[in-house]
Amino acid sequence: MSVSRSPFESHPHYVERMRADFELLNAMPDAAMQQRLEAEAQTLLSSVLAIEDAASAKSDEDKEAGPDILRLERKIDLVLQLLSMQLMDGNTAPECQVQLSAAGARWEIPGANLPAPGSHVIAAIHVHRFLPRPLRLLAEVLPDQPGWLCLLFSQPGEVCEELLARHVFQQHRRHLAGTRRAKR
């Protein structure tokens, strides 16, 4: 992947409140760990895209479905959300405004000791409220303003990169559509 050092300069991105954290690495993970992270990320992103695709299809079907079906779907969505919240109870990752692109992420961490630029971390970002597991990607810390953590994802693999790009593009497009509706 050839990107500029800014993960947002030439990539679609979106900003949303999510749980985000990082784990500072003393050394680059071995190949087996990198493959495990990539496989986990692919599985999680596939799940996120399946949920998002189902939600898009559901909004089209809402016009045709009866009220009983719609109530049942809302109840199932609520159960999934409550289950996810219960499973995330032990997660101490703070919720904050996260800027996310297929190339990297950025969020504010006030008063914390941030890793030095050039350090490697594993970013853990909860990209969907129904999924209790975070998206975990290897990343390099980029220089940014004080109190902000800016990360450039380190070669997540072609399939993972495509899935992440698709997720980010869908969220970016939804944000733009919401902005247009708000202006009307």
C-alpha atoms as a PDB file:
ATOM      1  CA  MET A   1       0.000   0.000   0.000  1.00  0.00           C
ATOM      2  CA  SER A   2       1.538   3.289  -0.978  1.00  0.00           C
ATOM      3  CA  VAL A   3       0.194   6.055   1.220  1.00  0.00           C
ATOM      4  CA  SER A   4       1.417   9.397   2.306  1.00  0.00           C
ATOM      5  CA  ARG A   5       2.421   9.621   5.941  1.00  0.00           C
ATOM      6  CA  SER A   6      -1.034  11.036   6.734  1.00  0.00           C
ATOM      7  CA  PRO A   7      -3.620   8.259   6.934  1.00  0.00           C
ATOM      8  CA  PHE A   8      -6.398  10.734   6.087  1.00  0.00           C
ATOM      9  CA  GLU A   9      -4.937  12.917   3.343  1.00  0.00           C
ATOM     10  CA  SER A  10      -5.949  10.832   0.338  1.00  0.00           C
ATOM     11  CA  HIS A  11      -8.381   8.360   1.903  1.00  0.00           C
ATOM     12  CA  PRO A  12     -12.062   8.536   2.774  1.00  0.00           C
ATOM     13  CA  HIS A  13     -12.525   8.593   6.523  1.00  0.00           C
ATOM     14  CA  TYR A  14     -15.190   9.118   9.124  1.00  0.00           C
ATOM     15  CA  VAL A  15     -15.392  10.300  12.726  1.00  0.00           C
ATOM     16  CA  GLU A  16     -17.541   8.538  15.287  1.00  0.00           C
ATOM     17  CA  ARG A  17     -17.669   7.881  19.034  1.00  0.00           C
ATOM     18  CA  MET A  18     -16.081   4.483  19.631  1.00  0.00           C
ATOM     19  CA  ARG A  19     -14.065   2.690  22.266  1.00  0.00           C
ATOM     20  CA  ALA A  20     -10.386   2.894  21.343  1.00  0.00           C
ATOM     21  CA  ASP A  21      -7.172   1.886  23.011  1.00  0.00           C
ATOM     22  CA  PHE A  22      -3.675   0.735  22.133  1.00  0.00           C
ATOM     23  CA  GLU A  23      -1.038  -1.669  23.359  1.00  0.00           C
ATOM     24  CA  LEU A  24       2.551  -0.445  23.111  1.00  0.00           C
ATOM     25  CA  LEU A  25       4.905  -3.039  21.650  1.00  0.00           C
ATOM     26  CA  ASN A  26       8.535  -3.404  22.700  1.00  0.00           C
ATOM     27  CA  ALA A  27       9.361  -5.141  19.417  1.00  0.00           C
ATOM     28  CA  MET A  28       7.608  -5.973  16.175  1.00  0.00           C
ATOM     29  CA  PRO A  29       5.449  -9.093  16.555  1.00  0.00           C
ATOM     30  CA  ASP A  30       6.667 -12.240  14.846  1.00  0.00           C
ATOM     31  CA  ALA A  31       5.111 -13.426  11.577  1.00  0.00           C
ATOM     32  CA  ALA A  32       2.731 -15.830  13.348  1.00  0.00           C
ATOM     33  CA  MET A  33       1.325 -13.032  15.548  1.00  0.00           C
ATOM     34  CA  GLN A  34       0.958 -10.738  12.533  1.00  0.00           C
ATOM     35  CA  GLN A  35      -0.966 -13.471  10.675  1.00  0.00           C
ATOM     36  CA  ARG A  36      -3.194 -14.047  13.713  1.00  0.00           C
ATOM     37  CA  LEU A  37      -3.967 -10.316  13.958  1.00  0.00           C
ATOM     38  CA  GLU A  38      -4.752 -10.207  10.246  1.00  0.00           C
ATOM     39  CA  ALA A  39      -7.063 -13.246  10.438  1.00  0.00           C
ATOM     40  CA  GLU A  40      -8.894 -11.789  13.461  1.00  0.00           C
ATOM     41  CA  ALA A  41      -9.282  -8.441  11.691  1.00  0.00           C
ATOM     42  CA  GLN A  42     -10.637 -10.100   8.531  1.00  0.00           C
ATOM     43  CA  THR A  43     -13.199 -12.056  10.546  1.00  0.00           C
ATOM     44  CA  LEU A  44     -14.298  -8.999  12.503  1.00  0.00           C
ATOM     45  CA  LEU A  45     -14.517  -6.761   9.430  1.00  0.00           C
ATOM     46  CA  SER A  46     -16.508  -9.424   7.554  1.00  0.00           C
ATOM     47  CA  SER A  47     -18.955  -9.488  10.478  1.00  0.00           C
ATOM     48  CA  VAL A  48     -19.204  -5.699  10.542  1.00  0.00           C
ATOM     49  CA  LEU A  49     -19.893  -5.571   6.807  1.00  0.00           C
ATOM     50  CA  ALA A  50     -22.525  -8.328   7.098  1.00  0.00           C
ATOM     51  CA  ILE A  51     -24.303  -6.357   9.840  1.00  0.00           C
ATOM     52  CA  GLU A  52     -24.091  -3.122   7.832  1.00  0.00           C
ATOM     53  CA  ASP A  53     -25.309  -4.813   4.627  1.00  0.00           C
ATOM     54  CA  ALA A  54     -28.227  -6.369   6.515  1.00  0.00           C
ATOM     55  CA  ALA A  55     -29.105  -2.958   7.990  1.00  0.00           C
ATOM     56  CA  SER A  56     -29.096  -1.378   4.522  1.00  0.00           C
ATOM     57  CA  ALA A  57     -31.271  -4.142   3.108  1.00  0.00           C
ATOM     58  CA  LYS A  58     -33.573  -3.906   6.126  1.00  0.00           C
ATOM     59  CA  SER A  59     -34.214  -0.194   5.558  1.00  0.00           C
ATOM     60  CA  ASP A  60     -35.376  -0.997   2.016  1.00  0.00           C
ATOM     61  CA  GLU A  61     -37.596  -3.825   3.312  1.00  0.00           C
ATOM     62  CA  ASP A  62     -39.022  -1.664   6.119  1.00  0.00           C
ATOM     63  CA  LYS A  63     -41.377  -0.085   3.616  1.00  0.00           C
ATOM     64  CA  GLU A  64     -42.737  -3.498   2.624  1.00  0.00           C
ATOM     65  CA  ALA A  65     -42.613  -5.391   5.953  1.00  0.00           C
ATOM     66  CA  GLY A  66     -45.551  -5.504   8.310  1.00  0.00           C
ATOM     67  CA  PRO A  67     -45.460  -3.808  11.707  1.00  0.00           C
ATOM     68  CA  ASP A  68     -45.134  -7.137  13.555  1.00  0.00           C
ATOM     69  CA  ILE A  69     -41.976  -8.053  11.639  1.00  0.00           C
ATOM     70  CA  LEU A  70     -40.482  -4.606  12.228  1.00  0.00           C
ATOM     71  CA  ARG A  71     -41.150  -4.831  15.987  1.00  0.00           C
ATOM     72  CA  LEU A  72     -39.538  -8.282  16.107  1.00  0.00           C
ATOM     73  CA  GLU A  73     -36.445  -7.035  14.253  1.00  0.00           C
ATOM     74  CA  ARG A  74     -36.127  -4.068  16.618  1.00  0.00           C
ATOM     75  CA  LYS A  75     -36.363  -6.401  19.608  1.00  0.00           C
ATOM     76  CA  ILE A  76     -33.645  -8.656  18.178  1.00  0.00           C
ATOM     77  CA  ASP A  77     -31.450  -5.619  17.523  1.00  0.00           C
ATOM     78  CA  LEU A  78     -31.980  -4.500  21.123  1.00  0.00           C
ATOM     79  CA  VAL A  79     -31.077  -7.952  22.475  1.00  0.00           C
ATOM     80  CA  LEU A  80     -27.894  -7.990  20.373  1.00  0.00           C
ATOM     81  CA  GLN A  81     -26.951  -4.521  21.576  1.00  0.00           C
ATOM     82  CA  LEU A  82     -27.578  -5.410  25.234  1.00  0.00           C
ATOM     83  CA  LEU A  83     -25.611  -8.653  24.909  1.00  0.00           C
ATOM     84  CA  SER A  84     -22.732  -6.787  23.319  1.00  0.00           C
ATOM     85  CA  MET A  85     -22.781  -4.185  26.102  1.00  0.00           C
ATOM     86  CA  GLN A  86     -22.761  -6.954  28.718  1.00  0.00           C
ATOM     87  CA  LEU A  87     -19.789  -8.660  27.055  1.00  0.00           C
ATOM     88  CA  MET A  88     -17.913  -5.347  26.848  1.00  0.00           C
ATOM     89  CA  ASP A  89     -18.493  -4.553  30.532  1.00  0.00           C
ATOM     90  CA  GLY A  90     -14.942  -5.567  31.445  1.00  0.00           C
ATOM     91  CA  ASN A  91     -13.476  -3.502  28.622  1.00  0.00           C
ATOM     92  CA  THR A  92     -11.746  -0.441  30.000  1.00  0.00           C
ATOM     93  CA  ALA A  93     -11.142   1.199  26.632  1.00  0.00           C
ATOM     94  CA  PRO A  94     -12.454   4.751  26.824  1.00  0.00           C
ATOM     95  CA  GLU A  95     -15.062   5.986  24.385  1.00  0.00           C
ATOM     96  CA  CYS A  96     -13.927   8.952  22.318  1.00  0.00           C
ATOM     97  CA  GLN A  97     -14.216  10.585  18.905  1.00  0.00           C
ATOM     98  CA  VAL A  98     -12.157   8.377  16.583  1.00  0.00           C
ATOM     99  CA  GLN A  99     -11.180   9.392  13.073  1.00  0.00           C
ATOM    100  CA  LEU A 100     -10.790   6.214  11.018  1.00  0.00           C
ATOM    101  CA  SER A 101      -9.589   5.535   7.482  1.00  0.00           C
ATOM    102  CA  ALA A 102      -8.398   2.370   5.779  1.00  0.00           C
ATOM    103  CA  ALA A 103      -4.839   3.618   6.334  1.00  0.00           C
ATOM    104  CA  GLY A 104      -4.972   4.667   9.986  1.00  0.00           C
ATOM    105  CA  ALA A 105      -6.758   6.125  12.970  1.00  0.00           C
ATOM    106  CA  ARG A 106      -6.550   9.141  15.238  1.00  0.00           C
ATOM    107  CA  TRP A 107      -8.052  10.027  18.608  1.00  0.00           C
ATOM    108  CA  GLU A 108      -7.430  12.300  21.575  1.00  0.00           C
ATOM    109  CA  ILE A 109      -5.902  10.885  24.749  1.00  0.00           C
ATOM    110  CA  PRO A 110      -5.738  13.826  27.168  1.00  0.00           C
ATOM    111  CA  GLY A 111      -3.224  13.632  29.988  1.00  0.00           C
ATOM    112  CA  ALA A 112      -1.814  10.276  28.960  1.00  0.00           C
ATOM    113  CA  ASN A 113       1.719   9.290  28.205  1.00  0.00           C
ATOM    114  CA  LEU A 114       1.600   8.766  24.493  1.00  0.00           C
ATOM    115  CA  PRO A 115       4.060   6.537  22.688  1.00  0.00           C
ATOM    116  CA  ALA A 116       6.803   8.293  20.760  1.00  0.00           C
ATOM    117  CA  PRO A 117       6.459   8.748  17.005  1.00  0.00           C
ATOM    118  CA  GLY A 118       7.924   5.729  15.238  1.00  0.00           C
ATOM    119  CA  SER A 119       6.801   3.339  18.004  1.00  0.00           C
ATOM    120  CA  HIS A 120       4.692   0.332  17.110  1.00  0.00           C
ATOM    121  CA  VAL A 121       1.387  -0.454  18.789  1.00  0.00           C
ATOM    122  CA  ILE A 122      -1.593  -2.717  18.387  1.00  0.00           C
ATOM    123  CA  ALA A 123      -4.611  -0.449  17.951  1.00  0.00           C
ATOM    124  CA  ALA A 124      -7.872  -1.790  19.391  1.00  0.00           C
ATOM    125  CA  ILE A 125     -10.925   0.035  18.015  1.00  0.00           C
ATOM    126  CA  HIS A 126     -14.538  -1.043  18.525  1.00  0.00           C
ATOM    127  CA  VAL A 127     -15.889  -0.253  15.054  1.00  0.00           C
ATOM    128  CA  HIS A 128     -19.441  -1.533  15.714  1.00  0.00           C
ATOM    129  CA  ARG A 129     -21.609  -1.353  18.826  1.00  0.00           C
ATOM    130  CA  PHE A 130     -23.030  -4.887  18.308  1.00  0.00           C
ATOM    131  CA  LEU A 131     -19.611  -6.551  18.342  1.00  0.00           C
ATOM    132  CA  PRO A 132     -17.864  -6.871  21.708  1.00  0.00           C
ATOM    133  CA  ARG A 133     -14.437  -7.486  20.175  1.00  0.00           C
ATOM    134  CA  PRO A 134     -12.327  -4.616  18.841  1.00  0.00           C
ATOM    135  CA  LEU A 135     -10.640  -4.400  15.485  1.00  0.00           C
ATOM    136  CA  ARG A 136      -6.982  -4.997  16.350  1.00  0.00           C
ATOM    137  CA  LEU A 137      -4.370  -3.809  13.872  1.00  0.00           C
ATOM    138  CA  LEU A 138      -0.632  -3.329  14.019  1.00  0.00           C
ATOM    139  CA  ALA A 139       0.208   0.363  13.597  1.00  0.00           C
ATOM    140  CA  GLU A 140       3.041   2.875  13.678  1.00  0.00           C
ATOM    141  CA  VAL A 141       2.684   6.030  15.766  1.00  0.00           C
ATOM    142  CA  LEU A 142       2.897   9.225  13.716  1.00  0.00           C
ATOM    143  CA  PRO A 143       3.753  12.699  15.022  1.00  0.00           C
ATOM    144  CA  ASP A 144       0.676  14.724  15.936  1.00  0.00           C
ATOM    145  CA  GLN A 145      -0.363  17.576  18.195  1.00  0.00           C
ATOM    146  CA  PRO A 146       0.020  17.052  21.961  1.00  0.00           C
ATOM    147  CA  GLY A 147      -2.625  14.772  23.466  1.00  0.00           C
ATOM    148  CA  TRP A 148      -3.492  13.124  20.152  1.00  0.00           C
ATOM    149  CA  LEU A 149      -2.567   9.631  19.001  1.00  0.00           C
ATOM    150  CA  CYS A 150      -2.239   9.288  15.231  1.00  0.00           C
ATOM    151  CA  LEU A 151      -1.614   5.824  13.819  1.00  0.00           C
ATOM    152  CA  LEU A 152      -0.658   4.485  10.406  1.00  0.00           C
ATOM    153  CA  PHE A 153      -1.735   0.867  10.002  1.00  0.00           C
ATOM    154  CA  SER A 154       1.177  -1.419   9.131  1.00  0.00           C
ATOM    155  CA  GLN A 155       0.367  -3.520   6.071  1.00  0.00           C
ATOM    156  CA  PRO A 156      -2.802  -5.237   7.326  1.00  0.00           C
ATOM    157  CA  GLY A 157      -2.889  -7.573   4.299  1.00  0.00           C
ATOM    158  CA  GLU A 158      -4.707  -7.115   1.014  1.00  0.00           C
ATOM    159  CA  VAL A 159      -8.014  -8.745   2.004  1.00  0.00           C
ATOM    160  CA  CYS A 160      -8.122  -6.985   5.366  1.00  0.00           C
ATOM    161  CA  GLU A 161      -7.253  -3.664   3.747  1.00  0.00           C
ATOM    162  CA  GLU A 162     -10.078  -4.085   1.199  1.00  0.00           C
ATOM    163  CA  LEU A 163     -12.609  -4.962   3.920  1.00  0.00           C
ATOM    164  CA  LEU A 164     -11.550  -1.996   6.031  1.00  0.00           C
ATOM    165  CA  ALA A 165     -11.679   0.332   3.019  1.00  0.00           C
ATOM    166  CA  ARG A 166     -15.203  -0.895   2.229  1.00  0.00           C
ATOM    167  CA  HIS A 167     -16.345  -0.340   5.831  1.00  0.00           C
ATOM    168  CA  VAL A 168     -14.838   3.147   5.961  1.00  0.00           C
ATOM    169  CA  PHE A 169     -16.315   4.066   2.581  1.00  0.00           C
ATOM    170  CA  GLN A 170     -19.808   2.949   3.683  1.00  0.00           C
ATOM    171  CA  GLN A 171     -19.561   4.949   6.912  1.00  0.00           C
ATOM    172  CA  HIS A 172     -18.150   7.981   5.066  1.00  0.00           C
ATOM    173  CA  ARG A 173     -21.018   7.805   2.559  1.00  0.00           C
ATOM    174  CA  ARG A 174     -23.621   7.510   5.360  1.00  0.00           C
ATOM    175  CA  HIS A 175     -22.111  10.519   7.110  1.00  0.00           C
ATOM    176  CA  LEU A 176     -22.283  12.594   3.906  1.00  0.00           C
ATOM    177  CA  ALA A 177     -25.901  11.520   3.314  1.00  0.00           C
ATOM    178  CA  GLY A 178     -26.800  12.452   6.895  1.00  0.00           C
ATOM    179  CA  THR A 179     -25.136  15.850   6.481  1.00  0.00           C
ATOM    180  CA  ARG A 180     -27.097  16.500   3.272  1.00  0.00           C
ATOM    181  CA  ARG A 181     -30.382  15.522   4.952  1.00  0.00           C
ATOM    182  CA  ALA A 182     -29.630  17.825   7.892  1.00  0.00           C
ATOM    183  CA  LYS A 183     -29.078  20.761   5.522  1.00  0.00           C
ATOM    184  CA  ARG A 184     -32.487  20.287   3.907  1.00  0.00           C
END
